[in-house]
Amino acid sequence: MSESVLEPYAKLQDAMRKCLILSLEKHPKIFGNLHQMDEDLMRWSNVMPECLVGQFLTARREFTMATYCAASGMYQQAYSGIRFFLELSFASVYYSLYEFERRQWMMDRIDYSWSKGMDRNDGMLSSKFVEVFQPNLASHAKEFFEKATVTYRHCSQFIHGKASMYKTLPKAVMYSEEVLQDWAKYAQYAGDASLFLLLVRYADLLDGNDQLVDVVEARFGRLLGVRKMIGLADG
């Protein structure tokens, strides 16, 4: 392969490497928190029903790749990755409720509908849904519903090429503290919402799993409903 073909890719790789080093040096807390979130997602994947693990692991991989892109200055790709993570992680839980639809989805006969899965009145993270699975958590549903929906909406603007959003991005691969911090906020929202939904759906799997209980306490121990669930507060 000629050097003329390799040169632009080598320059891009060098720009990403410089941005990666700078991002990690300036924001160790951000990336430490995101790494811990990835570990929490892994803990849940270890106890999920086998038929759903593949889809959820794909979602988790997208979260990891989005984080790498954000650290490397590939901000548009990082926003896209977070939206994909949200869609696929929520779809994994949604189809745990509807086996027939899950099989159709796996056969590529139907698409997952974000708007249906996140219907304010009947969808996942509606108080009605949460109350059926974990009544103690119903009062907390709104917080995580809002985190999921605002993140999906924000990230979608970068995917659809909204001019006002693209203007916020650097014109080349380079570090931007403002964009990185904005992305990190929504990545945190997405992870929080996904982990809360997993807790709502699979809280029964906490029994006898001390490591998972520790994950839940560290992530959501501030919530009274969670504290009641894991025995840290009076009923």
Protein backbone atom coordinates (compact mmCIF):
# COMPACT_ATOMS: atom_id res chain seq x y z
CA MET A 1 0.00 0.00 0.00
CA SER A 2 1.38 3.40 -0.95
CA GLU A 3 2.37 5.98 1.63
CA SER A 4 -0.05 8.48 0.07
CA VAL A 5 -2.94 6.21 1.02
CA LEU A 6 -1.69 5.55 4.54
CA GLU A 7 -0.79 9.14 5.38
CA PRO A 8 -4.27 10.60 6.09
CA TYR A 9 -5.16 7.60 8.26
CA ALA A 10 -1.90 7.89 10.17
CA LYS A 11 -2.61 11.57 10.80
CA LEU A 12 -6.10 10.74 12.02
CA GLN A 13 -4.75 8.06 14.34
CA ASP A 14 -2.18 10.48 15.73
CA ALA A 15 -4.85 13.14 16.35
CA MET A 16 -7.05 10.60 18.15
CA ARG A 17 -4.12 9.42 20.28
CA LYS A 18 -3.25 12.96 21.36
CA CYS A 19 -6.88 13.66 22.21
CA LEU A 20 -7.17 10.40 24.14
CA ILE A 21 -4.17 11.19 26.31
CA LEU A 22 -5.37 14.73 27.00
CA SER A 23 -8.93 13.60 27.80
CA LEU A 24 -7.80 10.99 30.29
CA GLU A 25 -5.28 13.32 31.92
CA LYS A 26 -7.80 16.13 32.36
CA HIS A 27 -10.85 14.05 33.32
CA PRO A 28 -9.84 10.95 35.29
CA LYS A 29 -13.03 11.15 37.37
CA ILE A 30 -15.32 11.18 34.34
CA PHE A 31 -13.68 8.15 32.79
CA GLY A 32 -13.34 6.38 36.12
CA ASN A 33 -17.09 6.77 36.66
CA LEU A 34 -17.85 5.50 33.16
CA HIS A 35 -15.55 2.52 33.64
CA GLN A 36 -17.38 1.66 36.86
CA MET A 37 -20.69 1.94 35.04
CA ASP A 38 -19.44 -0.52 32.44
CA GLU A 39 -18.49 -2.89 35.27
CA ASP A 40 -21.99 -2.55 36.75
CA LEU A 41 -23.52 -3.41 33.39
CA MET A 42 -21.31 -6.48 33.24
CA ARG A 43 -22.54 -7.64 36.68
CA TRP A 44 -26.12 -7.53 35.46
CA SER A 45 -25.28 -9.34 32.24
CA ASN A 46 -23.90 -12.21 34.34
CA VAL A 47 -27.34 -12.92 35.82
CA MET A 48 -29.66 -12.07 32.92
CA PRO A 49 -31.65 -14.81 31.16
CA GLU A 50 -29.42 -16.47 28.58
CA CYS A 51 -31.71 -15.66 25.65
CA LEU A 52 -31.22 -11.92 26.25
CA VAL A 53 -27.55 -11.75 27.14
CA GLY A 54 -26.32 -11.49 23.56
CA GLN A 55 -28.33 -8.38 22.81
CA PHE A 56 -27.43 -6.78 26.11
CA LEU A 57 -23.71 -7.47 25.65
CA THR A 58 -23.92 -5.78 22.27
CA ALA A 59 -25.42 -2.76 24.02
CA ARG A 60 -22.67 -2.81 26.62
CA ARG A 61 -20.02 -3.00 23.89
CA GLU A 62 -21.56 0.06 22.27
CA PHE A 63 -21.32 1.94 25.59
CA THR A 64 -17.62 1.06 25.79
CA MET A 65 -16.95 2.10 22.20
CA ALA A 66 -18.84 5.36 22.69
CA THR A 67 -16.62 6.13 25.67
CA TYR A 68 -13.50 5.42 23.61
CA CYS A 69 -14.77 7.67 20.81
CA ALA A 70 -15.50 10.49 23.24
CA ALA A 71 -12.03 10.23 24.76
CA SER A 72 -10.48 10.21 21.28
CA GLY A 73 -12.29 13.29 19.98
CA MET A 74 -14.79 11.39 17.83
CA TYR A 75 -17.69 13.18 19.46
CA GLN A 76 -20.40 12.67 16.85
CA GLN A 77 -19.75 8.93 16.91
CA ALA A 78 -19.79 9.01 20.72
CA TYR A 79 -23.27 10.57 20.79
CA SER A 80 -24.49 8.04 18.24
CA GLY A 81 -23.10 5.21 20.32
CA ILE A 82 -24.93 6.31 23.44
CA ARG A 83 -28.24 6.39 21.59
CA PHE A 84 -27.59 2.92 20.22
CA PHE A 85 -26.73 1.73 23.73
CA LEU A 86 -30.01 3.10 25.04
CA GLU A 87 -32.06 1.50 22.28
CA LEU A 88 -30.49 -1.93 22.52
CA SER A 89 -30.30 -2.15 26.32
CA PHE A 90 -33.94 -1.09 26.64
CA ALA A 91 -34.98 -3.43 23.84
CA SER A 92 -33.35 -6.31 25.70
CA VAL A 93 -35.57 -5.67 28.70
CA TYR A 94 -38.66 -4.95 26.60
CA TYR A 95 -38.44 -8.25 24.75
CA SER A 96 -37.98 -10.16 27.98
CA LEU A 97 -41.69 -9.45 28.41
CA TYR A 98 -42.80 -10.46 24.92
CA GLU A 99 -41.26 -13.70 23.69
CA PHE A 100 -43.18 -13.78 20.40
CA GLU A 101 -42.08 -10.25 19.51
CA ARG A 102 -38.53 -11.02 20.62
CA ARG A 103 -38.33 -13.91 18.17
CA GLN A 104 -39.71 -11.73 15.39
CA TRP A 105 -37.16 -9.06 16.27
CA MET A 106 -34.32 -11.59 16.18
CA MET A 107 -35.54 -12.72 12.74
CA ASP A 108 -35.49 -9.06 11.59
CA ARG A 109 -39.23 -9.06 10.93
CA ILE A 110 -40.01 -6.17 13.26
CA ASP A 111 -38.12 -3.17 14.62
CA TYR A 112 -37.94 -2.09 18.22
CA SER A 113 -40.01 1.04 18.80
CA TRP A 114 -38.42 3.46 21.24
CA SER A 115 -41.60 5.53 21.48
CA LYS A 116 -43.69 2.46 22.29
CA GLY A 117 -41.25 1.09 24.83
CA MET A 118 -41.00 4.50 26.49
CA ASP A 119 -44.65 5.50 26.41
CA ARG A 120 -45.15 7.92 29.30
CA ASN A 121 -48.27 6.15 30.56
CA ASP A 122 -47.70 2.46 29.83
CA GLY A 123 -44.12 1.99 28.74
CA MET A 124 -41.02 0.95 30.60
CA LEU A 125 -40.11 3.39 33.36
CA SER A 126 -43.66 4.64 33.56
CA SER A 127 -44.85 4.52 37.17
CA LYS A 128 -47.49 2.00 36.08
CA PHE A 129 -44.85 -0.39 34.71
CA VAL A 130 -42.49 -0.02 37.66
CA GLU A 131 -45.30 -0.50 40.17
CA VAL A 132 -46.11 -3.93 38.71
CA PHE A 133 -42.56 -5.20 39.09
CA GLN A 134 -41.18 -3.25 42.06
CA PRO A 135 -43.77 -1.14 43.93
CA ASN A 136 -41.09 0.34 46.18
CA LEU A 137 -39.41 1.91 43.18
CA ALA A 138 -42.46 3.43 41.50
CA SER A 139 -41.92 6.83 43.08
CA HIS A 140 -38.43 6.97 41.54
CA ALA A 141 -39.50 6.06 38.00
CA LYS A 142 -39.94 9.64 36.75
CA GLU A 143 -36.30 10.57 37.39
CA PHE A 144 -34.97 7.78 35.21
CA PHE A 145 -37.69 8.13 32.59
CA GLU A 146 -36.61 11.74 32.13
CA LYS A 147 -32.92 10.80 31.99
CA ALA A 148 -33.57 8.23 29.27
CA THR A 149 -35.85 10.38 27.14
CA VAL A 150 -33.78 13.57 27.31
CA THR A 151 -30.64 11.63 26.44
CA TYR A 152 -32.26 9.88 23.49
CA ARG A 153 -33.56 13.20 22.19
CA HIS A 154 -30.24 15.00 22.66
CA CYS A 155 -28.13 12.29 21.01
CA SER A 156 -30.59 11.96 18.12
CA GLN A 157 -29.87 15.54 17.08
CA PHE A 158 -26.29 14.57 16.24
CA ILE A 159 -27.41 11.52 14.28
CA HIS A 160 -29.95 13.46 12.23
CA GLY A 161 -27.48 16.22 11.45
CA LYS A 162 -29.20 19.11 13.17
CA ALA A 163 -27.14 22.16 12.24
CA SER A 164 -27.23 23.79 15.68
CA MET A 165 -25.77 20.64 17.23
CA TYR A 166 -23.05 20.11 14.64
CA LYS A 167 -21.89 23.68 15.18
CA THR A 168 -20.93 22.74 18.74
CA LEU A 169 -18.48 20.07 17.54
CA PRO A 170 -14.84 20.76 16.66
CA LYS A 171 -14.19 20.99 12.92
CA ALA A 172 -11.44 18.38 13.22
CA VAL A 173 -10.50 15.54 15.55
CA MET A 174 -9.37 17.48 18.58
CA TYR A 175 -10.06 17.81 22.29
CA SER A 176 -13.01 19.94 23.40
CA GLU A 177 -13.64 20.17 27.13
CA GLU A 178 -17.12 21.62 26.63
CA VAL A 179 -18.26 18.88 24.26
CA LEU A 180 -16.69 16.11 26.31
CA GLN A 181 -18.41 17.23 29.48
CA ASP A 182 -21.73 17.53 27.68
CA TRP A 183 -21.37 14.03 26.23
CA ALA A 184 -20.33 12.60 29.61
CA LYS A 185 -23.43 14.02 31.28
CA TYR A 186 -25.71 12.23 28.85
CA ALA A 187 -23.65 9.03 28.94
CA GLN A 188 -24.13 9.03 32.71
CA TYR A 189 -27.87 9.59 32.28
CA ALA A 190 -28.10 6.70 29.81
CA GLY A 191 -26.22 4.34 32.09
CA ASP A 192 -28.25 5.31 35.13
CA ALA A 193 -31.53 4.78 33.29
CA SER A 194 -30.48 1.41 31.90
CA LEU A 195 -29.24 0.16 35.27
CA PHE A 196 -32.41 1.32 37.00
CA LEU A 197 -34.53 -0.48 34.41
CA LEU A 198 -32.52 -3.66 34.97
CA LEU A 199 -33.14 -3.33 38.69
CA VAL A 200 -36.87 -2.93 38.15
CA ARG A 201 -37.06 -5.95 35.86
CA TYR A 202 -34.64 -8.31 37.59
CA ALA A 203 -34.60 -7.30 41.25
CA ASP A 204 -35.52 -10.87 42.21
CA LEU A 205 -32.05 -11.92 41.05
CA LEU A 206 -30.49 -9.96 43.92
CA ASP A 207 -31.31 -12.75 46.37
CA GLY A 208 -28.09 -14.50 47.34
CA ASN A 209 -25.94 -12.36 45.07
CA ASP A 210 -23.94 -10.15 47.42
CA GLN A 211 -21.84 -8.65 44.64
CA LEU A 212 -24.92 -7.48 42.77
CA VAL A 213 -26.44 -6.09 45.95
CA ASP A 214 -23.23 -4.10 46.46
CA VAL A 215 -23.55 -2.74 42.93
CA VAL A 216 -27.14 -1.68 43.55
CA GLU A 217 -26.31 -0.08 46.88
CA ALA A 218 -23.39 1.89 45.45
CA ARG A 219 -25.39 3.05 42.43
CA PHE A 220 -28.84 3.65 43.93
CA GLY A 221 -28.43 3.54 47.70
CA ARG A 222 -29.57 7.17 47.92
CA LEU A 223 -33.11 6.11 46.89
CA LEU A 224 -35.40 5.19 49.77
CA GLY A 225 -37.15 2.51 47.73
CA VAL A 226 -33.85 0.82 46.97
CA ARG A 227 -32.77 1.03 50.59
CA LYS A 228 -35.97 -0.74 51.59
CA MET A 229 -35.43 -3.34 48.92
CA ILE A 230 -31.96 -4.31 50.12
CA GLY A 231 -32.74 -4.04 53.81
CA LEU A 232 -31.06 -0.74 54.65
CA ALA A 233 -34.26 1.02 55.74
CA ASP A 234 -37.35 0.11 57.68
CA GLY A 235 -40.33 -0.97 55.59
